[in-house]
Amino acid sequence: MTDKAKAGKLTTVVSIVLALLFLFQGVTKLGGMMVEQFGAWGYPAWFQYLIGVAETAGGVGLLVKKTRSHAAAAMFVVMLGAIFTLLRAGQMGQVAVPIIVLLLAAFVARNSR
């Protein structure tokens, strides 16, 4: 197997893992399960639903090869927002996961072109 083929398989696996993560998180937000948390961060309730739609759409987009790169780039931006929110709220202990997800989204975006 060539290095390019290995990178392609790894990109696919990472895309699937990210898709499942974003689908789960998106559905959680669309279900209204984080209204209090978004309020504590200073966001209006509707913003939770906007992010839920973005994460759900991004999760679906990560599963489709033609849209994978754009979906990963969009989720990169969503993770920048998550990191900013956690840092602004002083929740330093929770910022590691969004940073890792951001890096994985960057990997997928770069390798899916």
PDB file of N, CA and C in Angstrom:
ATOM      1  N   MET A   1       0.846  -1.173   0.000  1.00  0.00           N
ATOM      2  CA  MET A   1       0.000   0.000   0.000  1.00  0.00           C
ATOM      3  C   MET A   1       0.895   1.242   0.000  1.00  0.00           C
ATOM      4  N   THR A   2       0.594   2.194  -0.849  1.00  0.00           N
ATOM      5  CA  THR A   2       1.399   3.401  -0.946  1.00  0.00           C
ATOM      6  C   THR A   2       1.082   4.347   0.208  1.00  0.00           C
ATOM      7  N   ASP A   3       1.981   5.300   0.390  1.00  0.00           N
ATOM      8  CA  ASP A   3       1.757   6.302   1.442  1.00  0.00           C
ATOM      9  C   ASP A   3       0.499   7.111   1.168  1.00  0.00           C
ATOM     10  N   LYS A   4       0.236   7.399  -0.118  1.00  0.00           N
ATOM     11  CA  LYS A   4      -0.961   8.160  -0.474  1.00  0.00           C
ATOM     12  C   LYS A   4      -2.223   7.366  -0.139  1.00  0.00           C
ATOM     13  N   ALA A   5      -2.193   6.061  -0.394  1.00  0.00           N
ATOM     14  CA  ALA A   5      -3.346   5.211  -0.076  1.00  0.00           C
ATOM     15  C   ALA A   5      -3.558   5.134   1.433  1.00  0.00           C
ATOM     16  N   LYS A   6      -2.467   5.033   2.183  1.00  0.00           N
ATOM     17  CA  LYS A   6      -2.568   5.005   3.646  1.00  0.00           C
ATOM     18  C   LYS A   6      -3.144   6.308   4.171  1.00  0.00           C
ATOM     19  N   ALA A   7      -2.668   7.420   3.634  1.00  0.00           N
ATOM     20  CA  ALA A   7      -3.175   8.734   4.062  1.00  0.00           C
ATOM     21  C   ALA A   7      -4.656   8.862   3.729  1.00  0.00           C
ATOM     22  N   GLY A   8      -5.069   8.330   2.573  1.00  0.00           N
ATOM     23  CA  GLY A   8      -6.480   8.369   2.180  1.00  0.00           C
ATOM     24  C   GLY A   8      -7.351   7.572   3.126  1.00  0.00           C
ATOM     25  N   LYS A   9      -6.875   6.396   3.511  1.00  0.00           N
ATOM     26  CA  LYS A   9      -7.630   5.556   4.459  1.00  0.00           C
ATOM     27  C   LYS A   9      -7.703   6.227   5.832  1.00  0.00           C
ATOM     28  N   LEU A  10      -6.598   6.798   6.277  1.00  0.00           N
ATOM     29  CA  LEU A  10      -6.587   7.481   7.568  1.00  0.00           C
ATOM     30  C   LEU A  10      -7.539   8.684   7.546  1.00  0.00           C
ATOM     31  N   THR A  11      -7.525   9.414   6.457  1.00  0.00           N
ATOM     32  CA  THR A  11      -8.433  10.561   6.320  1.00  0.00           C
ATOM     33  C   THR A  11      -9.883  10.101   6.396  1.00  0.00           C
ATOM     34  N   THR A  12     -10.195   8.989   5.750  1.00  0.00           N
ATOM     35  CA  THR A  12     -11.559   8.459   5.783  1.00  0.00           C
ATOM     36  C   THR A  12     -11.951   8.059   7.203  1.00  0.00           C
ATOM     37  N   VAL A  13     -11.065   7.379   7.900  1.00  0.00           N
ATOM     38  CA  VAL A  13     -11.356   6.940   9.272  1.00  0.00           C
ATOM     39  C   VAL A  13     -11.559   8.146  10.189  1.00  0.00           C
ATOM     40  N   VAL A  14     -10.673   9.132  10.089  1.00  0.00           N
ATOM     41  CA  VAL A  14     -10.795  10.330  10.927  1.00  0.00           C
ATOM     42  C   VAL A  14     -12.091  11.064  10.583  1.00  0.00           C
ATOM     43  N   SER A  15     -12.439  11.108   9.298  1.00  0.00           N
ATOM     44  CA  SER A  15     -13.682  11.766   8.879  1.00  0.00           C
ATOM     45  C   SER A  15     -14.899  11.097   9.500  1.00  0.00           C
ATOM     46  N   ILE A  16     -14.911   9.793   9.524  1.00  0.00           N
ATOM     47  CA  ILE A  16     -16.038   9.050  10.098  1.00  0.00           C
ATOM     48  C   ILE A  16     -16.139   9.307  11.598  1.00  0.00           C
ATOM     49  N   VAL A  17     -15.005   9.280  12.283  1.00  0.00           N
ATOM     50  CA  VAL A  17     -15.005   9.545  13.730  1.00  0.00           C
ATOM     51  C   VAL A  17     -15.513  10.955  14.012  1.00  0.00           C
ATOM     52  N   LEU A  18     -15.005  11.939  13.261  1.00  0.00           N
ATOM     53  CA  LEU A  18     -15.473  13.314  13.442  1.00  0.00           C
ATOM     54  C   LEU A  18     -16.953  13.450  13.104  1.00  0.00           C
ATOM     55  N   ALA A  19     -17.384  12.769  12.043  1.00  0.00           N
ATOM     56  CA  ALA A  19     -18.799  12.835  11.659  1.00  0.00           C
ATOM     57  C   ALA A  19     -19.682  12.336  12.795  1.00  0.00           C
ATOM     58  N   LEU A  20     -19.323  11.213  13.386  1.00  0.00           N
ATOM     59  CA  LEU A  20     -20.115  10.671  14.495  1.00  0.00           C
ATOM     60  C   LEU A  20     -20.132  11.637  15.675  1.00  0.00           C
ATOM     61  N   LEU A  21     -18.992  12.234  15.974  1.00  0.00           N
ATOM     62  CA  LEU A  21     -18.904  13.205  17.063  1.00  0.00           C
ATOM     63  C   LEU A  21     -19.804  14.409  16.793  1.00  0.00           C
ATOM     64  N   PHE A  22     -19.696  14.980  15.585  1.00  0.00           N
ATOM     65  CA  PHE A  22     -20.492  16.165  15.274  1.00  0.00           C
ATOM     66  C   PHE A  22     -21.975  15.846  15.157  1.00  0.00           C
ATOM     67  N   LEU A  23     -22.316  14.680  14.641  1.00  0.00           N
ATOM     68  CA  LEU A  23     -23.729  14.293  14.582  1.00  0.00           C
ATOM     69  C   LEU A  23     -24.306  14.166  15.991  1.00  0.00           C
ATOM     70  N   PHE A  24     -23.566  13.523  16.874  1.00  0.00           N
ATOM     71  CA  PHE A  24     -24.022  13.379  18.262  1.00  0.00           C
ATOM     72  C   PHE A  24     -24.187  14.744  18.930  1.00  0.00           C
ATOM     73  N   GLN A  25     -23.155  15.583  18.803  1.00  0.00           N
ATOM     74  CA  GLN A  25     -23.211  16.909  19.431  1.00  0.00           C
ATOM     75  C   GLN A  25     -24.306  17.774  18.818  1.00  0.00           C
ATOM     76  N   GLY A  26     -24.460  17.690  17.502  1.00  0.00           N
ATOM     77  CA  GLY A  26     -25.494  18.471  16.830  1.00  0.00           C
ATOM     78  C   GLY A  26     -26.890  18.089  17.273  1.00  0.00           C
ATOM     79  N   VAL A  27     -27.144  16.790  17.332  1.00  0.00           N
ATOM     80  CA  VAL A  27     -28.460  16.310  17.760  1.00  0.00           C
ATOM     81  C   VAL A  27     -28.714  16.683  19.222  1.00  0.00           C
ATOM     82  N   THR A  28     -27.676  16.638  20.041  1.00  0.00           N
ATOM     83  CA  THR A  28     -27.807  17.047  21.443  1.00  0.00           C
ATOM     84  C   THR A  28     -28.253  18.507  21.530  1.00  0.00           C
ATOM     85  N   LYS A  29     -27.631  19.352  20.738  1.00  0.00           N
ATOM     86  CA  LYS A  29     -27.996  20.776  20.758  1.00  0.00           C
ATOM     87  C   LYS A  29     -29.378  20.998  20.157  1.00  0.00           C
ATOM     88  N   LEU A  30     -29.695  20.313  19.069  1.00  0.00           N
ATOM     89  CA  LEU A  30     -31.017  20.461  18.456  1.00  0.00           C
ATOM     90  C   LEU A  30     -32.119  19.957  19.384  1.00  0.00           C
ATOM     91  N   GLY A  31     -31.782  19.029  20.272  1.00  0.00           N
ATOM     92  CA  GLY A  31     -32.730  18.525  21.255  1.00  0.00           C
ATOM     93  C   GLY A  31     -32.925  19.472  22.438  1.00  0.00           C
ATOM     94  N   GLY A  32     -32.216  20.603  22.440  1.00  0.00           N
ATOM     95  CA  GLY A  32     -32.379  21.598  23.494  1.00  0.00           C
ATOM     96  C   GLY A  32     -31.728  21.229  24.807  1.00  0.00           C
ATOM     97  N   MET A  33     -30.728  20.343  24.758  1.00  0.00           N
ATOM     98  CA  MET A  33     -30.134  19.839  25.992  1.00  0.00           C
ATOM     99  C   MET A  33     -29.024  20.715  26.560  1.00  0.00           C
ATOM    100  N   MET A  34     -28.720  21.835  25.889  1.00  0.00           N
ATOM    101  CA  MET A  34     -27.618  22.677  26.366  1.00  0.00           C
ATOM    102  C   MET A  34     -28.021  24.142  26.528  1.00  0.00           C
ATOM    103  N   VAL A  35     -29.312  24.410  26.625  1.00  0.00           N
ATOM    104  CA  VAL A  35     -29.790  25.792  26.718  1.00  0.00           C
ATOM    105  C   VAL A  35     -29.163  26.494  27.919  1.00  0.00           C
ATOM    106  N   GLU A  36     -29.142  25.843  29.068  1.00  0.00           N
ATOM    107  CA  GLU A  36     -28.574  26.461  30.267  1.00  0.00           C
ATOM    108  C   GLU A  36     -27.085  26.747  30.100  1.00  0.00           C
ATOM    109  N   GLN A  37     -26.365  25.815  29.479  1.00  0.00           N
ATOM    110  CA  GLN A  37     -24.924  25.993  29.280  1.00  0.00           C
ATOM    111  C   GLN A  37     -24.651  27.169  28.348  1.00  0.00           C
ATOM    112  N   PHE A  38     -25.399  27.255  27.253  1.00  0.00           N
ATOM    113  CA  PHE A  38     -25.222  28.379  26.337  1.00  0.00           C
ATOM    114  C   PHE A  38     -25.563  29.699  27.031  1.00  0.00           C
ATOM    115  N   GLY A  39     -26.586  29.679  27.876  1.00  0.00           N
ATOM    116  CA  GLY A  39     -26.940  30.864  28.653  1.00  0.00           C
ATOM    117  C   GLY A  39     -25.829  31.274  29.604  1.00  0.00           C
ATOM    118  N   ALA A  40     -25.221  30.289  30.250  1.00  0.00           N
ATOM    119  CA  ALA A  40     -24.114  30.574  31.171  1.00  0.00           C
ATOM    120  C   ALA A  40     -22.923  31.171  30.431  1.00  0.00           C
ATOM    121  N   TRP A  41     -22.757  30.804  29.166  1.00  0.00           N
ATOM    122  CA  TRP A  41     -21.673  31.361  28.345  1.00  0.00           C
ATOM    123  C   TRP A  41     -22.029  32.733  27.781  1.00  0.00           C
ATOM    124  N   GLY A  42     -23.287  33.153  27.988  1.00  0.00           N
ATOM    125  CA  GLY A  42     -23.703  34.465  27.515  1.00  0.00           C
ATOM    126  C   GLY A  42     -24.339  34.476  26.138  1.00  0.00           C
ATOM    127  N   TYR A  43     -24.714  33.310  25.639  1.00  0.00           N
ATOM    128  CA  TYR A  43     -25.343  33.218  24.319  1.00  0.00           C
ATOM    129  C   TYR A  43     -26.851  33.066  24.455  1.00  0.00           C
ATOM    130  N   PRO A  44     -27.614  33.586  23.496  1.00  0.00           N
ATOM    131  CA  PRO A  44     -29.071  33.381  23.522  1.00  0.00           C
ATOM    132  C   PRO A  44     -29.399  31.929  23.179  1.00  0.00           C
ATOM    133  N   ALA A  45     -30.572  31.481  23.570  1.00  0.00           N
ATOM    134  CA  ALA A  45     -30.963  30.083  23.367  1.00  0.00           C
ATOM    135  C   ALA A  45     -30.937  29.683  21.891  1.00  0.00           C
ATOM    136  N   TRP A  46     -31.326  30.592  20.996  1.00  0.00           N
ATOM    137  CA  TRP A  46     -31.373  30.251  19.580  1.00  0.00           C
ATOM    138  C   TRP A  46     -30.001  29.892  19.026  1.00  0.00           C
ATOM    139  N   PHE A  47     -28.937  30.416  19.646  1.00  0.00           N
ATOM    140  CA  PHE A  47     -27.586  30.154  19.154  1.00  0.00           C
ATOM    141  C   PHE A  47     -27.239  28.672  19.294  1.00  0.00           C
ATOM    142  N   GLN A  48     -27.752  28.031  20.331  1.00  0.00           N
ATOM    143  CA  GLN A  48     -27.545  26.592  20.511  1.00  0.00           C
ATOM    144  C   GLN A  48     -28.084  25.833  19.304  1.00  0.00           C
ATOM    145  N   TYR A  49     -29.255  26.229  18.826  1.00  0.00           N
ATOM    146  CA  TYR A  49     -29.876  25.540  17.692  1.00  0.00           C
ATOM    147  C   TYR A  49     -29.107  25.809  16.394  1.00  0.00           C
ATOM    148  N   LEU A  50     -28.596  27.022  16.247  1.00  0.00           N
ATOM    149  CA  LEU A  50     -27.783  27.342  15.077  1.00  0.00           C
ATOM    150  C   LEU A  50     -26.536  26.461  15.033  1.00  0.00           C
ATOM    151  N   ILE A  51     -25.855  26.359  16.160  1.00  0.00           N
ATOM    152  CA  ILE A  51     -24.665  25.514  16.238  1.00  0.00           C
ATOM    153  C   ILE A  51     -25.045  24.050  16.027  1.00  0.00           C
ATOM    154  N   GLY A  52     -26.188  23.639  16.552  1.00  0.00           N
ATOM    155  CA  GLY A  52     -26.658  22.262  16.344  1.00  0.00           C
ATOM    156  C   GLY A  52     -26.877  21.949  14.880  1.00  0.00           C
ATOM    157  N   VAL A  53     -27.470  22.887  14.144  1.00  0.00           N
ATOM    158  CA  VAL A  53     -27.670  22.696  12.704  1.00  0.00           C
ATOM    159  C   VAL A  53     -26.319  22.615  11.997  1.00  0.00           C
ATOM    160  N   ALA A  54     -25.408  23.522  12.354  1.00  0.00           N
ATOM    161  CA  ALA A  54     -24.080  23.527  11.731  1.00  0.00           C
ATOM    162  C   ALA A  54     -23.338  22.218  12.001  1.00  0.00           C
ATOM    163  N   GLU A  55     -23.381  21.746  13.237  1.00  0.00           N
ATOM    164  CA  GLU A  55     -22.676  20.503  13.574  1.00  0.00           C
ATOM    165  C   GLU A  55     -23.312  19.297  12.898  1.00  0.00           C
ATOM    166  N   THR A  56     -24.621  19.259  12.829  1.00  0.00           N
ATOM    167  CA  THR A  56     -25.301  18.144  12.167  1.00  0.00           C
ATOM    168  C   THR A  56     -24.989  18.147  10.676  1.00  0.00           C
ATOM    169  N   ALA A  57     -25.076  19.311  10.049  1.00  0.00           N
ATOM    170  CA  ALA A  57     -24.751  19.413   8.622  1.00  0.00           C
ATOM    171  C   ALA A  57     -23.283  19.069   8.375  1.00  0.00           C
ATOM    172  N   GLY A  58     -22.416  19.531   9.259  1.00  0.00           N
ATOM    173  CA  GLY A  58     -20.995  19.204   9.136  1.00  0.00           C
ATOM    174  C   GLY A  58     -20.742  17.713   9.274  1.00  0.00           C
ATOM    175  N   GLY A  59     -21.443  17.082  10.199  1.00  0.00           N
ATOM    176  CA  GLY A  59     -21.300  15.639  10.372  1.00  0.00           C
ATOM    177  C   GLY A  59     -21.710  14.877   9.129  1.00  0.00           C
ATOM    178  N   VAL A  60     -22.821  15.272   8.540  1.00  0.00           N
ATOM    179  CA  VAL A  60     -23.268  14.635   7.291  1.00  0.00           C
ATOM    180  C   VAL A  60     -22.259  14.919   6.179  1.00  0.00           C
ATOM    181  N   GLY A  61     -21.813  16.171   6.082  1.00  0.00           N
ATOM    182  CA  GLY A  61     -20.848  16.549   5.051  1.00  0.00           C
ATOM    183  C   GLY A  61     -19.535  15.803   5.143  1.00  0.00           C
ATOM    184  N   LEU A  62     -19.127  15.456   6.352  1.00  0.00           N
ATOM    185  CA  LEU A  62     -17.890  14.691   6.534  1.00  0.00           C
ATOM    186  C   LEU A  62     -18.008  13.262   6.008  1.00  0.00           C
ATOM    187  N   LEU A  63     -19.213  12.762   5.889  1.00  0.00           N
ATOM    188  CA  LEU A  63     -19.424  11.398   5.406  1.00  0.00           C
ATOM    189  C   LEU A  63     -19.453  11.299   3.876  1.00  0.00           C
ATOM    190  N   VAL A  64     -19.583  12.457   3.213  1.00  0.00           N
ATOM    191  CA  VAL A  64     -19.670  12.485   1.755  1.00  0.00           C
ATOM    192  C   VAL A  64     -18.338  12.971   1.205  1.00  0.00           C
ATOM    193  N   LYS A  65     -17.697  12.151   0.382  1.00  0.00           N
ATOM    194  CA  LYS A  65     -16.355  12.472  -0.089  1.00  0.00           C
ATOM    195  C   LYS A  65     -16.280  13.824  -0.805  1.00  0.00           C
ATOM    196  N   LYS A  66     -17.290  14.157  -1.603  1.00  0.00           N
ATOM    197  CA  LYS A  66     -17.279  15.425  -2.352  1.00  0.00           C
ATOM    198  C   LYS A  66     -17.360  16.651  -1.460  1.00  0.00           C
ATOM    199  N   THR A  67     -17.992  16.529  -0.305  1.00  0.00           N
ATOM    200  CA  THR A  67     -18.172  17.683   0.586  1.00  0.00           C
ATOM    201  C   THR A  67     -17.257  17.632   1.810  1.00  0.00           C
ATOM    202  N   ARG A  68     -16.482  16.592   1.927  1.00  0.00           N
ATOM    203  CA  ARG A  68     -15.674  16.358   3.129  1.00  0.00           C
ATOM    204  C   ARG A  68     -14.746  17.519   3.457  1.00  0.00           C
ATOM    205  N   SER A  69     -14.021  18.029   2.477  1.00  0.00           N
ATOM    206  CA  SER A  69     -13.060  19.098   2.728  1.00  0.00           C
ATOM    207  C   SER A  69     -13.747  20.364   3.234  1.00  0.00           C
ATOM    208  N   HIS A  70     -14.855  20.734   2.592  1.00  0.00           N
ATOM    209  CA  HIS A  70     -15.576  21.941   3.013  1.00  0.00           C
ATOM    210  C   HIS A  70     -16.229  21.757   4.387  1.00  0.00           C
ATOM    211  N   ALA A  71     -16.770  20.572   4.629  1.00  0.00           N
ATOM    212  CA  ALA A  71     -17.385  20.295   5.931  1.00  0.00           C
ATOM    213  C   ALA A  71     -16.329  20.353   7.035  1.00  0.00           C
ATOM    214  N   ALA A  72     -15.159  19.787   6.770  1.00  0.00           N
ATOM    215  CA  ALA A  72     -14.087  19.814   7.771  1.00  0.00           C
ATOM    216  C   ALA A  72     -13.635  21.244   8.041  1.00  0.00           C
ATOM    217  N   ALA A  73     -13.549  22.059   6.992  1.00  0.00           N
ATOM    218  CA  ALA A  73     -13.161  23.463   7.180  1.00  0.00           C
ATOM    219  C   ALA A  73     -14.210  24.206   8.004  1.00  0.00           C
ATOM    220  N   ALA A  74     -15.479  23.926   7.748  1.00  0.00           N
ATOM    221  CA  ALA A  74     -16.547  24.564   8.522  1.00  0.00           C
ATOM    222  C   ALA A  74     -16.490  24.130   9.984  1.00  0.00           C
ATOM    223  N   MET A  75     -16.211  22.855  10.237  1.00  0.00           N
ATOM    224  CA  MET A  75     -16.129  22.377  11.614  1.00  0.00           C
ATOM    225  C   MET A  75     -14.890  22.925  12.311  1.00  0.00           C
ATOM    226  N   PHE A  76     -13.842  23.211  11.548  1.00  0.00           N
ATOM    227  CA  PHE A  76     -12.663  23.892  12.084  1.00  0.00           C
ATOM    228  C   PHE A  76     -13.087  25.241  12.667  1.00  0.00           C
ATOM    229  N   VAL A  77     -13.896  25.978  11.915  1.00  0.00           N
ATOM    230  CA  VAL A  77     -14.371  27.287  12.370  1.00  0.00           C
ATOM    231  C   VAL A  77     -15.262  27.142  13.606  1.00  0.00           C
ATOM    232  N   VAL A  78     -16.135  26.139  13.610  1.00  0.00           N
ATOM    233  CA  VAL A  78     -16.991  25.892  14.781  1.00  0.00           C
ATOM    234  C   VAL A  78     -16.117  25.600  16.010  1.00  0.00           C
ATOM    235  N   MET A  79     -15.054  24.829  15.829  1.00  0.00           N
ATOM    236  CA  MET A  79     -14.169  24.517  16.955  1.00  0.00           C
ATOM    237  C   MET A  79     -13.387  25.751  17.425  1.00  0.00           C
ATOM    238  N   LEU A  80     -13.042  26.642  16.499  1.00  0.00           N
ATOM    239  CA  LEU A  80     -12.432  27.907  16.933  1.00  0.00           C
ATOM    240  C   LEU A  80     -13.378  28.649  17.867  1.00  0.00           C
ATOM    241  N   GLY A  81     -14.659  28.672  17.504  1.00  0.00           N
ATOM    242  CA  GLY A  81     -15.658  29.309  18.355  1.00  0.00           C
ATOM    243  C   GLY A  81     -15.781  28.632  19.709  1.00  0.00           C
ATOM    244  N   ALA A  82     -15.737  27.310  19.710  1.00  0.00           N
ATOM    245  CA  ALA A  82     -15.824  26.558  20.971  1.00  0.00           C
ATOM    246  C   ALA A  82     -14.630  26.873  21.871  1.00  0.00           C
ATOM    247  N   ILE A  83     -13.444  26.910  21.273  1.00  0.00           N
ATOM    248  CA  ILE A  83     -12.234  27.211  22.038  1.00  0.00           C
ATOM    249  C   ILE A  83     -12.318  28.631  22.617  1.00  0.00           C
ATOM    250  N   PHE A  84     -12.718  29.580  21.777  1.00  0.00           N
ATOM    251  CA  PHE A  84     -12.874  30.962  22.236  1.00  0.00           C
ATOM    252  C   PHE A  84     -13.858  31.030  23.402  1.00  0.00           C
ATOM    253  N   THR A  85     -14.992  30.351  23.256  1.00  0.00           N
ATOM    254  CA  THR A  85     -16.025  30.372  24.300  1.00  0.00           C
ATOM    255  C   THR A  85     -15.495  29.821  25.610  1.00  0.00           C
ATOM    256  N   LEU A  86     -14.818  28.688  25.554  1.00  0.00           N
ATOM    257  CA  LEU A  86     -14.304  28.073  26.782  1.00  0.00           C
ATOM    258  C   LEU A  86     -13.222  28.934  27.432  1.00  0.00           C
ATOM    259  N   LEU A  87     -12.348  29.504  26.620  1.00  0.00           N
ATOM    260  CA  LEU A  87     -11.299  30.364  27.181  1.00  0.00           C
ATOM    261  C   LEU A  87     -11.905  31.611  27.812  1.00  0.00           C
ATOM    262  N   ARG A  88     -12.886  32.213  27.139  1.00  0.00           N
ATOM    263  CA  ARG A  88     -13.546  33.411  27.658  1.00  0.00           C
ATOM    264  C   ARG A  88     -14.277  33.110  28.967  1.00  0.00           C
ATOM    265  N   ALA A  89     -14.820  31.884  29.079  1.00  0.00           N
ATOM    266  CA  ALA A  89     -15.552  31.494  30.287  1.00  0.00           C
ATOM    267  C   ALA A  89     -14.628  31.000  31.391  1.00  0.00           C
ATOM    268  N   GLY A  90     -13.322  30.951  31.111  1.00  0.00           N
ATOM    269  CA  GLY A  90     -12.364  30.492  32.115  1.00  0.00           C
ATOM    270  C   GLY A  90     -12.382  28.994  32.338  1.00  0.00           C
ATOM    271  N   GLN A  91     -12.880  28.248  31.379  1.00  0.00           N
ATOM    272  CA  GLN A  91     -12.970  26.789  31.496  1.00  0.00           C
ATOM    273  C   GLN A  91     -11.780  26.122  30.794  1.00  0.00           C
ATOM    274  N   MET A  92     -10.598  26.449  31.274  1.00  0.00           N
ATOM    275  CA  MET A  92      -9.357  25.970  30.665  1.00  0.00           C
ATOM    276  C   MET A  92      -9.257  24.446  30.631  1.00  0.00           C
ATOM    277  N   GLY A  93      -9.810  23.797  31.628  1.00  0.00           N
ATOM    278  CA  GLY A  93      -9.740  22.340  31.709  1.00  0.00           C
ATOM    279  C   GLY A  93     -10.546  21.623  30.638  1.00  0.00           C
ATOM    280  N   GLN A  94     -11.439  22.342  29.975  1.00  0.00           N
ATOM    281  CA  GLN A  94     -12.287  21.721  28.960  1.00  0.00           C
ATOM    282  C   GLN A  94     -11.842  22.031  27.537  1.00  0.00           C
ATOM    283  N   VAL A  95     -10.768  22.780  27.371  1.00  0.00           N
ATOM    284  CA  VAL A  95     -10.374  23.255  26.045  1.00  0.00           C
ATOM    285  C   VAL A  95      -9.574  22.217  25.244  1.00  0.00           C
ATOM    286  N   ALA A  96      -9.061  21.187  25.877  1.00  0.00           N
ATOM    287  CA  ALA A  96      -8.226  20.203  25.170  1.00  0.00           C
ATOM    288  C   ALA A  96      -9.001  19.464  24.074  1.00  0.00           C
ATOM    289  N   VAL A  97     -10.205  19.046  24.367  1.00  0.00           N
ATOM    290  CA  VAL A  97     -10.980  18.278  23.382  1.00  0.00           C
ATOM    291  C   VAL A  97     -11.271  19.106  22.132  1.00  0.00           C
ATOM    292  N   PRO A  98     -11.779  20.343  22.256  1.00  0.00           N
ATOM    293  CA  PRO A  98     -11.992  21.131  21.040  1.00  0.00           C
ATOM    294  C   PRO A  98     -10.699  21.388  20.258  1.00  0.00           C
ATOM    295  N   ILE A  99      -9.586  21.523  20.937  1.00  0.00           N
ATOM    296  CA  ILE A  99      -8.311  21.720  20.235  1.00  0.00           C
ATOM    297  C   ILE A  99      -7.963  20.478  19.424  1.00  0.00           C
ATOM    298  N   ILE A 100      -8.133  19.312  20.016  1.00  0.00           N
ATOM    299  CA  ILE A 100      -7.846  18.063  19.299  1.00  0.00           C
ATOM    300  C   ILE A 100      -8.787  17.914  18.103  1.00  0.00           C
ATOM    301  N   VAL A 101     -10.067  18.194  18.303  1.00  0.00           N
ATOM    302  CA  VAL A 101     -11.042  18.097  17.216  1.00  0.00           C
ATOM    303  C   VAL A 101     -10.702  19.101  16.119  1.00  0.00           C
ATOM    304  N   LEU A 102     -10.302  20.309  16.496  1.00  0.00           N
ATOM    305  CA  LEU A 102      -9.884  21.321  15.530  1.00  0.00           C
ATOM    306  C   LEU A 102      -8.719  20.815  14.686  1.00  0.00           C
ATOM    307  N   LEU A 103      -7.722  20.209  15.326  1.00  0.00           N
ATOM    308  CA  LEU A 103      -6.564  19.686  14.601  1.00  0.00           C
ATOM    309  C   LEU A 103      -6.960  18.536  13.667  1.00  0.00           C
ATOM    310  N   LEU A 104      -7.858  17.676  14.124  1.00  0.00           N
ATOM    311  CA  LEU A 104      -8.331  16.584  13.267  1.00  0.00           C
ATOM    312  C   LEU A 104      -9.129  17.119  12.080  1.00  0.00           C
ATOM    313  N   ALA A 105      -9.932  18.144  12.309  1.00  0.00           N
ATOM    314  CA  ALA A 105     -10.693  18.761  11.210  1.00  0.00           C
ATOM    315  C   ALA A 105      -9.739  19.397  10.202  1.00  0.00           C
ATOM    316  N   ALA A 106      -8.681  20.031  10.679  1.00  0.00           N
ATOM    317  CA  ALA A 106      -7.684  20.614   9.784  1.00  0.00           C
ATOM    318  C   ALA A 106      -7.010  19.524   8.957  1.00  0.00           C
ATOM    319  N   PHE A 107      -6.707  18.397   9.580  1.00  0.00           N
ATOM    320  CA  PHE A 107      -6.102  17.256   8.878  1.00  0.00           C
ATOM    321  C   PHE A 107      -7.015  16.773   7.760  1.00  0.00           C
ATOM    322  N   VAL A 108      -8.283  16.614   8.074  1.00  0.00           N
ATOM    323  CA  VAL A 108      -9.252  16.132   7.074  1.00  0.00           C
ATOM    324  C   VAL A 108      -9.415  17.157   5.961  1.00  0.00           C
ATOM    325  N   ALA A 109      -9.547  18.421   6.313  1.00  0.00           N
ATOM    326  CA  ALA A 109      -9.726  19.467   5.297  1.00  0.00           C
ATOM    327  C   ALA A 109      -8.536  19.493   4.333  1.00  0.00           C
ATOM    328  N   ARG A 110      -7.353  19.376   4.875  1.00  0.00           N
ATOM    329  CA  ARG A 110      -6.143  19.425   4.051  1.00  0.00           C
ATOM    330  C   ARG A 110      -5.984  18.195   3.172  1.00  0.00           C
ATOM    331  N   ASN A 111      -6.339  17.049   3.694  1.00  0.00           N
ATOM    332  CA  ASN A 111      -6.116  15.792   2.967  1.00  0.00           C
ATOM    333  C   ASN A 111      -7.304  15.330   2.138  1.00  0.00           C
ATOM    334  N   SER A 112      -8.375  16.094   2.114  1.00  0.00           N
ATOM    335  CA  SER A 112      -9.560  15.704   1.354  1.00  0.00           C
ATOM    336  C   SER A 112      -9.707  16.497   0.060  1.00  0.00           C
ATOM    337  N   ARG A 113      -8.757  17.320  -0.246  1.00  0.00           N
ATOM    338  CA  ARG A 113      -8.856  18.138  -1.466  1.00  0.00           C
ATOM    339  C   ARG A 113      -8.703  17.310  -2.701  1.00  0.00           C
TER     340      ARG A 113
END
